[in-house]
Amino acid sequence: MEEAEDEIEDIQQEINIMSQLQSPYITKYHGSYIRGSKLWIVMEFCAGGSCLDMLRAGVFEEIYIAIIMRELVSGLEILHAEGKLHRDIKAANLLVAADGSLKLADFGVSGQITATFTKKHSFVGTPFWMAPEVIEQTGYDSKADIWSLGITAIELAKGSAPYSDIHPMKALFLIPKNDPPELDGNFSKTFKSFIQACLDKDPNKRASAKELLKHPFIKSAKQNTLLKDLISRHQQWLAEQSISQSFETEDDMEDSEELGEPWDFGTIKSAASKKLPVLPTKQTKMRIPPPPAAKPKSLVDDVVEPVIKELAGDGASALVNSIRELEKTKPGVFVKIVNELSAKLK
């Protein structure tokens, strides 16, 4: 806990939300314990790992994606019905248990919609999976999760999300500007239709989780026990990698590490308080209260300011402050300005 000062409230928020959720589609939370200065969060064990882990052995066939999407949409329907958003749907946050059941995990950036504040404005999530309205900060609701769902379906089919081969900053400007991504290649019409239903740029026209459960692609999904095939394939791939690496020289291993994965931008989270909460000192089950409301960061704070300072140094603070003031009066206008300038420069 001493080294996690910046993340305390994110952890509190995740525990608070997980403790409220009782669903077969969501990783089960068993409890939190303090031992010394360490916080232990006890979760349901998902032996298969994440879908991102299993993607390393190769892209998924449609038969498996349909199952994953059905389970994920079923989980989102329950989540959205309770007024909660996930806000970070992606393959890395989809876990598979030993019996083939799919579990939605990582609620660190989840939010709850209240009756008095129906649209979120905070800038959280992972860039390549973000809905246009989240990036433009025009206000968003549960339909933002549906966009991320569609991007995740493409990720499972193609091995990576759209725009993941370019810098995340550029992707943040292209996603609201360009037409929605499409699933190209040798895939069924029903799968492509499912993607289109998820990736409508107009949230009002985008399908809800309840509507998606009636889609032919979801209705065609087989039993989730078939996902055990993906677990077996991944385990075999790991065994082959282990044998292969045992023959590599140290230089070869360094070269392979330099290749790395496509841009790993991680998850952008809202600002949290720097104060450590008072925690139990003995080894007892703890009940961590929900974090106090914090003013969310904006696109300017999370993305624009770091980029401008990196390129122009601290002397760029005046420009950043001007952009911040502009965003206060007209949220999302800076993205539109950059898009317009980009178009004219072309």
Protein backbone atom coordinates (compact mmCIF):
# COMPACT_ATOMS: atom_id res chain seq x y z
CA MET A 1 0.00 0.00 0.00
CA GLU A 2 2.93 2.33 0.69
CA GLU A 3 3.97 2.23 -2.97
CA ALA A 4 0.45 2.53 -4.41
CA GLU A 5 -0.43 5.99 -3.11
CA ASP A 6 -1.52 7.27 -6.53
CA GLU A 7 -3.80 4.28 -7.10
CA ILE A 8 -5.56 3.95 -3.73
CA GLU A 9 -8.85 5.45 -4.88
CA ASP A 10 -8.83 3.47 -8.14
CA ILE A 11 -8.47 0.33 -6.03
CA GLN A 12 -11.25 1.46 -3.69
CA GLN A 13 -13.54 2.13 -6.64
CA GLU A 14 -12.86 -1.25 -8.21
CA ILE A 15 -13.47 -3.11 -4.94
CA ASN A 16 -16.64 -1.14 -4.26
CA ILE A 17 -18.11 -1.95 -7.68
CA MET A 18 -17.02 -5.61 -7.66
CA SER A 19 -18.54 -6.16 -4.22
CA GLN A 20 -21.93 -5.01 -5.56
CA LEU A 21 -21.92 -7.28 -8.61
CA GLN A 22 -23.23 -10.82 -8.44
CA SER A 23 -23.26 -12.22 -11.96
CA PRO A 24 -21.98 -15.39 -13.65
CA TYR A 25 -20.54 -13.13 -16.38
CA ILE A 26 -18.36 -11.06 -14.05
CA THR A 27 -15.32 -12.16 -12.03
CA LYS A 28 -16.50 -13.01 -8.54
CA TYR A 29 -15.08 -10.96 -5.70
CA HIS A 30 -14.45 -12.93 -2.49
CA GLY A 31 -13.00 -10.28 -0.20
CA SER A 32 -10.12 -7.93 0.64
CA TYR A 33 -7.54 -8.42 3.37
CA ILE A 34 -4.74 -6.36 4.85
CA ARG A 35 -1.59 -8.16 5.97
CA GLY A 36 1.16 -5.83 7.07
CA SER A 37 1.37 -3.14 4.39
CA LYS A 38 -0.03 -5.38 1.64
CA LEU A 39 -3.59 -5.40 0.36
CA TRP A 40 -4.81 -8.77 -0.95
CA ILE A 41 -7.86 -8.83 -3.22
CA VAL A 42 -9.24 -12.36 -3.50
CA MET A 43 -10.92 -13.06 -6.83
CA GLU A 44 -12.37 -16.00 -8.67
CA PHE A 45 -9.61 -18.00 -10.40
CA CYS A 46 -9.83 -17.98 -14.22
CA ALA A 47 -7.42 -20.68 -15.36
CA GLY A 48 -7.55 -19.82 -19.04
CA GLY A 49 -6.20 -16.32 -18.57
CA SER A 50 -7.33 -13.38 -20.69
CA CYS A 51 -8.46 -13.41 -24.30
CA LEU A 52 -5.43 -11.23 -25.05
CA ASP A 53 -3.18 -13.96 -23.65
CA MET A 54 -4.86 -16.54 -25.85
CA LEU A 55 -4.62 -14.32 -28.93
CA ARG A 56 -0.86 -14.86 -28.87
CA ALA A 57 -1.49 -18.36 -30.18
CA GLY A 58 -3.45 -16.92 -33.13
CA VAL A 59 -6.67 -15.09 -33.98
CA PHE A 60 -10.01 -16.61 -32.99
CA GLU A 61 -12.43 -18.28 -35.39
CA GLU A 62 -15.96 -16.91 -35.64
CA ILE A 63 -17.43 -19.83 -33.72
CA TYR A 64 -15.43 -18.77 -30.64
CA ILE A 65 -15.97 -15.03 -31.10
CA ALA A 66 -19.74 -15.57 -31.21
CA ILE A 67 -19.61 -17.33 -27.83
CA ILE A 68 -17.39 -14.63 -26.31
CA MET A 69 -19.65 -11.86 -27.61
CA ARG A 70 -22.80 -13.57 -26.29
CA GLU A 71 -21.30 -13.95 -22.82
CA LEU A 72 -19.91 -10.41 -22.85
CA VAL A 73 -23.17 -8.85 -24.06
CA SER A 74 -25.08 -10.82 -21.42
CA GLY A 75 -22.77 -9.40 -18.76
CA LEU A 76 -23.11 -5.86 -20.11
CA GLU A 77 -26.90 -6.11 -20.14
CA ILE A 78 -26.85 -6.81 -16.38
CA LEU A 79 -24.23 -4.13 -15.74
CA HIS A 80 -26.08 -1.46 -17.75
CA ALA A 81 -29.43 -2.37 -16.17
CA GLU A 82 -27.88 -1.50 -12.80
CA GLY A 83 -26.75 1.89 -14.10
CA LYS A 84 -23.08 0.93 -14.32
CA LEU A 85 -20.56 1.31 -17.14
CA HIS A 86 -17.36 -0.67 -17.59
CA ARG A 87 -15.57 1.88 -19.82
CA ASP A 88 -12.60 -0.36 -20.63
CA ILE A 89 -13.89 -3.31 -22.66
CA LYS A 90 -11.04 -5.05 -24.50
CA ALA A 91 -9.57 -8.55 -24.90
CA ALA A 92 -7.19 -8.00 -21.98
CA ASN A 93 -10.17 -7.61 -19.62
CA LEU A 94 -12.02 -10.75 -20.73
CA LEU A 95 -11.03 -13.78 -18.65
CA VAL A 96 -11.83 -17.43 -19.37
CA ALA A 97 -12.40 -19.94 -16.57
CA ALA A 98 -11.38 -23.60 -16.76
CA ASP A 99 -14.93 -24.66 -17.71
CA GLY A 100 -14.98 -22.24 -20.65
CA SER A 101 -17.14 -19.56 -19.03
CA LEU A 102 -16.24 -15.95 -19.84
CA LYS A 103 -15.79 -13.35 -17.12
CA LEU A 104 -15.60 -9.57 -17.44
CA ALA A 105 -12.80 -8.15 -15.27
CA ASP A 106 -11.00 -4.94 -14.30
CA PHE A 107 -13.51 -2.42 -13.03
CA GLY A 108 -10.88 0.17 -12.13
CA VAL A 109 -12.38 2.80 -14.45
CA SER A 110 -16.02 1.78 -14.13
CA GLY A 111 -18.59 4.45 -13.51
CA GLN A 112 -22.15 4.59 -12.31
CA ILE A 113 -24.86 6.65 -13.94
CA THR A 114 -27.26 8.26 -11.52
CA ALA A 115 -30.73 9.54 -12.15
CA THR A 116 -29.52 13.14 -11.94
CA PHE A 117 -26.38 12.75 -14.05
CA THR A 118 -27.12 10.48 -16.96
CA LYS A 119 -24.12 11.15 -19.17
CA LYS A 120 -20.48 10.87 -18.20
CA HIS A 121 -17.91 13.41 -19.36
CA SER A 122 -14.68 11.98 -17.94
CA PHE A 123 -11.90 10.86 -20.27
CA VAL A 124 -11.18 7.26 -19.31
CA GLY A 125 -10.55 4.00 -21.12
CA THR A 126 -7.96 2.76 -23.57
CA PRO A 127 -7.59 4.93 -26.71
CA PHE A 128 -8.01 2.36 -29.50
CA TRP A 129 -11.24 1.04 -27.96
CA MET A 130 -12.72 4.46 -27.09
CA ALA A 131 -16.05 5.56 -28.53
CA PRO A 132 -16.02 8.86 -30.51
CA GLU A 133 -18.26 10.58 -27.96
CA VAL A 134 -15.85 9.67 -25.14
CA ILE A 135 -12.92 11.22 -27.02
CA GLU A 136 -14.88 14.35 -27.94
CA GLN A 137 -16.25 14.59 -24.38
CA THR A 138 -19.75 15.37 -25.58
CA GLY A 139 -21.26 13.18 -22.87
CA TYR A 140 -21.72 9.42 -23.04
CA ASP A 141 -23.68 6.56 -21.50
CA SER A 142 -23.79 2.76 -21.74
CA LYS A 143 -23.57 2.93 -25.55
CA ALA A 144 -19.85 3.74 -25.14
CA ASP A 145 -19.34 0.18 -23.88
CA ILE A 146 -21.09 -1.13 -27.00
CA TRP A 147 -18.59 0.67 -29.25
CA SER A 148 -15.72 -0.89 -27.28
CA LEU A 149 -17.46 -4.25 -27.63
CA GLY A 150 -17.43 -3.92 -31.43
CA ILE A 151 -13.76 -2.94 -31.45
CA THR A 152 -13.00 -5.95 -29.23
CA ALA A 153 -14.78 -8.26 -31.69
CA ILE A 154 -12.49 -6.95 -34.45
CA GLU A 155 -9.51 -7.38 -32.14
CA LEU A 156 -10.36 -11.05 -31.61
CA ALA A 157 -10.87 -11.65 -35.33
CA LYS A 158 -7.83 -9.72 -36.62
CA GLY A 159 -5.40 -9.93 -33.69
CA SER A 160 -5.38 -6.22 -32.85
CA ALA A 161 -7.73 -3.26 -32.60
CA PRO A 162 -8.09 -0.77 -35.49
CA TYR A 163 -5.41 1.98 -35.46
CA SER A 164 -3.21 -0.01 -33.06
CA ASP A 165 -0.32 0.28 -35.54
CA ILE A 166 -0.20 4.08 -35.19
CA HIS A 167 0.53 6.43 -32.29
CA PRO A 168 -2.36 6.58 -29.79
CA MET A 169 -2.44 10.38 -29.97
CA LYS A 170 -3.12 10.22 -33.70
CA ALA A 171 -5.75 7.53 -33.15
CA LEU A 172 -7.58 9.85 -30.75
CA PHE A 173 -8.07 12.31 -33.59
CA LEU A 174 -8.85 9.74 -36.29
CA ILE A 175 -11.55 7.80 -34.40
CA PRO A 176 -14.06 10.72 -34.19
CA LYS A 177 -13.13 11.99 -37.67
CA ASN A 178 -13.15 8.82 -39.79
CA ASP A 179 -15.97 6.45 -40.67
CA PRO A 180 -16.45 3.58 -38.19
CA PRO A 181 -14.04 0.65 -38.62
CA GLU A 182 -15.34 -2.25 -40.67
CA LEU A 183 -14.52 -5.94 -40.51
CA ASP A 184 -12.94 -6.81 -43.83
CA GLY A 185 -11.94 -10.28 -44.93
CA ASN A 186 -13.51 -13.71 -45.14
CA PHE A 187 -16.12 -13.37 -42.41
CA SER A 188 -19.85 -14.09 -42.40
CA LYS A 189 -22.46 -11.44 -43.19
CA THR A 190 -24.00 -11.86 -39.75
CA PHE A 191 -20.65 -11.19 -38.05
CA LYS A 192 -20.06 -8.07 -40.15
CA SER A 193 -23.64 -6.96 -39.43
CA PHE A 194 -22.99 -7.39 -35.70
CA ILE A 195 -19.90 -5.18 -35.94
CA GLN A 196 -21.90 -2.50 -37.77
CA ALA A 197 -24.60 -2.57 -35.09
CA CYS A 198 -21.93 -1.88 -32.45
CA LEU A 199 -19.93 0.73 -34.35
CA ASP A 200 -22.44 3.37 -35.34
CA LYS A 201 -20.89 6.78 -34.58
CA ASP A 202 -24.28 8.06 -33.47
CA PRO A 203 -24.84 6.59 -29.98
CA ASN A 204 -28.61 6.93 -30.41
CA LYS A 205 -28.50 4.61 -33.42
CA ARG A 206 -26.03 2.21 -31.82
CA ALA A 207 -27.57 -1.03 -30.57
CA SER A 208 -28.01 -1.62 -26.85
CA ALA A 209 -26.86 -4.78 -25.08
CA LYS A 210 -30.47 -5.95 -24.86
CA GLU A 211 -30.93 -5.48 -28.62
CA LEU A 212 -27.64 -7.21 -29.44
CA LEU A 213 -28.76 -10.36 -27.60
CA LYS A 214 -31.40 -10.76 -30.35
CA HIS A 215 -28.86 -10.39 -33.18
CA PRO A 216 -28.45 -13.49 -35.42
CA PHE A 217 -24.70 -13.60 -34.72
CA ILE A 218 -25.33 -13.88 -30.98
CA LYS A 219 -28.26 -16.28 -31.43
CA SER A 220 -25.99 -18.62 -33.43
CA ALA A 221 -23.41 -18.95 -30.63
CA LYS A 222 -22.63 -22.46 -29.35
CA GLN A 223 -22.08 -23.60 -25.77
CA ASN A 224 -19.32 -21.80 -23.92
CA THR A 225 -17.58 -25.10 -23.11
CA LEU A 226 -16.07 -24.80 -26.61
CA LEU A 227 -13.85 -22.02 -25.29
CA LYS A 228 -11.82 -24.74 -23.60
CA ASP A 229 -10.39 -25.36 -27.09
CA LEU A 230 -8.79 -21.92 -26.95
CA ILE A 231 -7.30 -22.68 -23.55
CA SER A 232 -5.79 -25.93 -24.86
CA ARG A 233 -4.42 -24.18 -27.94
CA HIS A 234 -2.82 -21.48 -25.81
CA GLN A 235 -1.25 -24.02 -23.45
CA GLN A 236 0.19 -25.91 -26.40
CA TRP A 237 1.55 -22.66 -27.84
CA LEU A 238 3.19 -21.82 -24.50
CA ALA A 239 4.83 -25.25 -24.40
CA GLU A 240 6.17 -24.80 -27.92
CA GLN A 241 7.46 -21.33 -27.07
CA SER A 242 9.23 -22.69 -24.01
CA ILE A 243 10.99 -25.36 -26.09
CA SER A 244 11.86 -22.84 -28.80
CA GLN A 245 13.27 -20.28 -26.36
CA SER A 246 15.48 -22.88 -24.72
CA PHE A 247 17.47 -23.01 -27.99
CA GLU A 248 17.74 -19.23 -28.42
CA THR A 249 20.91 -17.37 -27.58
CA GLU A 250 20.79 -14.41 -25.20
CA ASP A 251 21.16 -12.02 -28.15
CA ASP A 252 18.22 -13.60 -29.93
CA MET A 253 16.06 -13.14 -26.87
CA GLU A 254 17.04 -9.47 -26.60
CA ASP A 255 16.12 -8.95 -30.25
CA SER A 256 12.70 -10.52 -29.75
CA GLU A 257 12.04 -8.30 -26.72
CA GLU A 258 12.86 -5.17 -28.74
CA LEU A 259 10.12 -6.03 -31.23
CA GLY A 260 7.53 -5.82 -28.45
CA GLU A 261 3.79 -5.47 -28.93
CA PRO A 262 1.96 -2.73 -30.88
CA TRP A 263 1.50 0.55 -28.99
CA ASP A 264 0.75 -0.21 -25.36
CA PHE A 265 -1.01 2.94 -24.20
CA GLY A 266 -2.64 1.31 -21.21
CA THR A 267 -5.82 2.57 -19.61
CA ILE A 268 -6.32 6.28 -19.01
CA LYS A 269 -7.87 6.84 -15.61
CA SER A 270 -9.27 9.89 -13.90
CA ALA A 271 -7.27 11.72 -11.27
CA ALA A 272 -7.32 10.34 -7.73
CA SER A 273 -6.54 11.91 -4.38
CA LYS A 274 -2.99 11.58 -3.12
CA LYS A 275 -4.04 10.93 0.50
CA LEU A 276 -3.75 7.42 1.86
CA PRO A 277 -6.93 6.15 3.55
CA VAL A 278 -6.92 4.84 7.10
CA LEU A 279 -6.81 1.05 6.73
CA PRO A 280 -7.13 -1.82 9.21
CA THR A 281 -3.81 -2.89 10.72
CA LYS A 282 -4.75 -6.44 11.58
CA GLN A 283 -5.49 -9.30 9.19
CA THR A 284 -9.25 -8.89 8.91
CA LYS A 285 -11.69 -8.71 6.06
CA MET A 286 -11.97 -5.09 5.10
CA ARG A 287 -14.85 -3.07 3.77
CA ILE A 288 -13.42 -0.22 1.75
CA PRO A 289 -15.91 2.64 1.28
CA PRO A 290 -16.47 4.12 -2.16
CA PRO A 291 -13.98 6.86 -3.07
CA PRO A 292 -15.02 10.49 -2.80
CA ALA A 293 -16.07 12.10 -6.03
CA ALA A 294 -13.05 13.51 -7.84
CA LYS A 295 -13.06 16.01 -10.65
CA PRO A 296 -12.19 13.97 -13.77
CA LYS A 297 -9.27 14.88 -15.94
CA SER A 298 -9.84 15.96 -19.51
CA LEU A 299 -8.35 15.14 -22.88
CA VAL A 300 -6.10 18.19 -22.43
CA ASP A 301 -4.73 16.98 -19.08
CA ASP A 302 -4.28 13.33 -20.05
CA VAL A 303 -3.07 13.56 -23.64
CA VAL A 304 -2.59 17.03 -25.14
CA GLU A 305 -0.51 18.59 -22.34
CA PRO A 306 2.05 15.73 -22.10
CA VAL A 307 2.52 15.70 -25.88
CA ILE A 308 2.94 19.48 -26.19
CA LYS A 309 5.38 19.59 -23.27
CA GLU A 310 7.35 16.72 -24.73
CA LEU A 311 7.69 18.52 -28.06
CA ALA A 312 7.98 22.14 -26.92
CA GLY A 313 9.13 21.97 -23.30
CA ASP A 314 7.71 23.87 -20.36
CA GLY A 315 7.46 27.00 -22.49
CA ALA A 316 4.32 25.49 -23.98
CA SER A 317 2.32 26.02 -20.75
CA ALA A 318 0.64 29.17 -22.11
CA LEU A 319 -0.64 27.25 -25.14
CA VAL A 320 -1.87 24.40 -22.93
CA ASN A 321 -3.71 26.86 -20.65
CA SER A 322 -5.39 28.49 -23.65
CA ILE A 323 -6.53 25.11 -24.95
CA ARG A 324 -7.81 24.18 -21.48
CA GLU A 325 -9.87 27.37 -21.25
CA LEU A 326 -11.28 26.73 -24.71
CA GLU A 327 -12.27 23.19 -23.73
CA LYS A 328 -14.10 24.50 -20.65
CA THR A 329 -16.42 26.62 -22.78
CA LYS A 330 -16.71 24.19 -25.72
CA PRO A 331 -15.85 20.59 -24.73
CA GLY A 332 -14.39 18.57 -27.59
CA VAL A 333 -13.71 21.59 -29.81
CA PHE A 334 -9.92 21.08 -29.76
CA VAL A 335 -10.25 17.65 -31.39
CA LYS A 336 -12.46 19.19 -34.07
CA ILE A 337 -9.94 22.00 -34.67
CA VAL A 338 -7.07 19.54 -35.10
CA ASN A 339 -9.16 17.40 -37.46
CA GLU A 340 -10.06 20.45 -39.56
CA LEU A 341 -6.44 21.62 -39.70
CA SER A 342 -5.33 18.14 -40.67
CA ALA A 343 -7.85 18.02 -43.50
CA LYS A 344 -6.81 21.46 -44.82
CA LEU A 345 -3.09 20.61 -44.62
CA LYS A 346 -3.73 17.50 -46.70
